[in-house]
Amino acid sequence: MLPSERIGIAAHMHVLLRRKTGRVTDTQWMADNAEYAREIVRIARLSAKEDGHTELIEWADKLELAMAPQAEQAALAGRSVSVTPSLGKLLASVGSPAPDNGLIGQASRYVRGLR
């Protein structure tokens, strides 16, 4: 699913939650962070169950479906990116060259720079 589609679903969910429950959410973070999106889905379903807002269930399902593949990718990417820079720093401290697998450069690629 395209990022713009995830943002669209997140924006719709944001508007529904704001109107139905008064809850304010972060649309961009919802579209980017699978853990935050899961929590929003949980809140939406709970609210739908308690207050009878059936439209929230429909959009919670859409958001969950949109974020499912991203959650798996984030888990894999998070492990490799967080481990690799530490390995590079450790090897640099003992004088050994860091392995050139491309992940160390990617981890710091956008720090203080434009994308």
Protein backbone atom coordinates (compact mmCIF):
# COMPACT_ATOMS: atom_id res chain seq x y z
CA MET A 1 0.00 0.00 0.00
CA LEU A 2 1.26 3.45 -0.89
CA PRO A 3 2.18 5.84 1.92
CA SER A 4 -0.38 8.34 0.62
CA GLU A 5 -3.11 5.71 0.99
CA ARG A 6 -2.06 4.98 4.59
CA ILE A 7 -2.09 8.71 5.35
CA GLY A 8 -5.57 8.98 3.83
CA ILE A 9 -6.89 6.16 6.00
CA ALA A 10 -5.17 7.64 9.07
CA ALA A 11 -6.64 11.08 8.32
CA HIS A 12 -10.13 9.63 8.03
CA MET A 13 -9.65 7.74 11.29
CA HIS A 14 -8.41 10.95 12.94
CA VAL A 15 -11.52 12.86 11.87
CA LEU A 16 -13.85 10.08 13.02
CA LEU A 17 -12.18 9.78 16.42
CA ARG A 18 -12.26 13.55 16.86
CA ARG A 19 -15.95 13.80 15.98
CA LYS A 20 -17.20 10.67 17.73
CA THR A 21 -15.00 10.55 20.84
CA GLY A 22 -13.25 13.91 21.10
CA ARG A 23 -9.86 12.18 20.90
CA VAL A 24 -7.08 13.96 19.00
CA THR A 25 -4.53 11.81 17.18
CA ASP A 26 -1.38 12.35 15.11
CA THR A 27 -2.21 11.42 11.53
CA GLN A 28 1.36 11.26 10.23
CA TRP A 29 2.57 9.21 13.18
CA MET A 30 -0.40 6.87 12.77
CA ALA A 31 0.54 6.27 9.13
CA ASP A 32 4.25 5.77 9.92
CA ASN A 33 4.30 3.88 13.22
CA ALA A 34 2.63 0.46 13.28
CA GLU A 35 2.59 0.29 17.09
CA TYR A 36 0.79 3.63 17.38
CA ALA A 37 -1.65 2.56 14.65
CA ARG A 38 -2.41 -0.68 16.56
CA GLU A 39 -3.20 1.35 19.67
CA ILE A 40 -5.50 3.66 17.69
CA VAL A 41 -7.26 0.60 16.23
CA ARG A 42 -7.72 -0.76 19.76
CA ILE A 43 -9.13 2.54 21.01
CA ALA A 44 -11.45 2.86 18.01
CA ARG A 45 -12.84 -0.64 18.46
CA LEU A 46 -13.31 -0.11 22.18
CA SER A 47 -15.15 3.15 21.55
CA ALA A 48 -17.28 1.55 18.86
CA LYS A 49 -18.22 -1.25 21.23
CA GLU A 50 -19.06 1.08 24.14
CA ASP A 51 -20.78 3.88 22.22
CA GLY A 52 -22.10 2.09 19.14
CA HIS A 53 -20.03 3.97 16.54
CA THR A 54 -20.04 1.26 13.86
CA GLU A 55 -18.21 3.45 11.35
CA LEU A 56 -15.14 3.34 13.61
CA ILE A 57 -14.98 -0.45 13.31
CA GLU A 58 -14.93 -0.26 9.51
CA TRP A 59 -12.08 2.28 9.45
CA ALA A 60 -10.18 0.51 12.23
CA ASP A 61 -10.19 -2.62 10.06
CA LYS A 62 -8.92 -0.60 7.09
CA LEU A 63 -6.12 0.94 9.15
CA GLU A 64 -5.12 -2.42 10.58
CA LEU A 65 -4.99 -3.94 7.10
CA ALA A 66 -2.97 -1.01 5.76
CA MET A 67 -0.42 -1.25 8.56
CA ALA A 68 -0.04 -5.05 8.72
CA PRO A 69 2.78 -5.44 6.18
CA GLN A 70 4.56 -2.36 7.53
CA ALA A 71 4.65 -3.80 11.04
CA GLU A 72 6.57 -6.85 9.83
CA GLN A 73 9.01 -4.71 7.84
CA ALA A 74 9.55 -2.33 10.77
CA ALA A 75 10.35 -5.20 13.11
CA LEU A 76 12.98 -6.53 10.72
CA ALA A 77 14.41 -3.12 9.83
CA GLY A 78 14.49 -1.98 13.44
CA ARG A 79 16.56 -4.95 14.49
CA SER A 80 19.15 -4.66 11.74
CA VAL A 81 19.51 -0.87 11.86
CA SER A 82 19.77 -0.68 15.64
CA VAL A 83 22.31 -3.51 15.86
CA THR A 84 24.53 -2.55 12.94
CA PRO A 85 25.60 0.96 14.07
CA SER A 86 26.51 -0.44 17.49
CA LEU A 87 28.61 -3.09 15.80
CA GLY A 88 30.30 -0.43 13.67
CA LYS A 89 31.12 1.68 16.75
CA LEU A 90 32.46 -1.37 18.59
CA LEU A 91 34.68 -2.40 15.69
CA ALA A 92 35.90 1.19 15.26
CA SER A 93 36.86 1.36 18.94
CA VAL A 94 39.06 -1.75 18.64
CA GLY A 95 40.59 -0.57 15.36
CA SER A 96 38.87 -3.08 13.10
CA PRO A 97 37.16 -1.78 9.95
CA ALA A 98 33.37 -1.88 10.02
CA PRO A 99 31.69 -4.30 7.61
CA ASP A 100 30.47 -2.54 4.49
CA ASN A 101 26.92 -3.89 4.27
CA GLY A 102 25.36 -0.49 3.53
CA LEU A 103 23.23 -0.41 6.69
CA ILE A 104 25.53 1.84 8.70
CA GLY A 105 25.34 4.55 6.06
CA GLN A 106 21.56 4.20 5.83
CA ALA A 107 21.09 4.58 9.59
CA SER A 108 22.65 8.06 9.63
CA ARG A 109 21.65 9.04 6.12
CA TYR A 110 18.98 11.57 7.09
CA VAL A 111 20.50 12.95 10.25
CA ARG A 112 20.75 16.71 9.79
CA GLY A 113 20.14 16.43 6.08
CA LEU A 114 17.43 16.60 3.54
CA ARG A 115 15.72 13.47 2.35
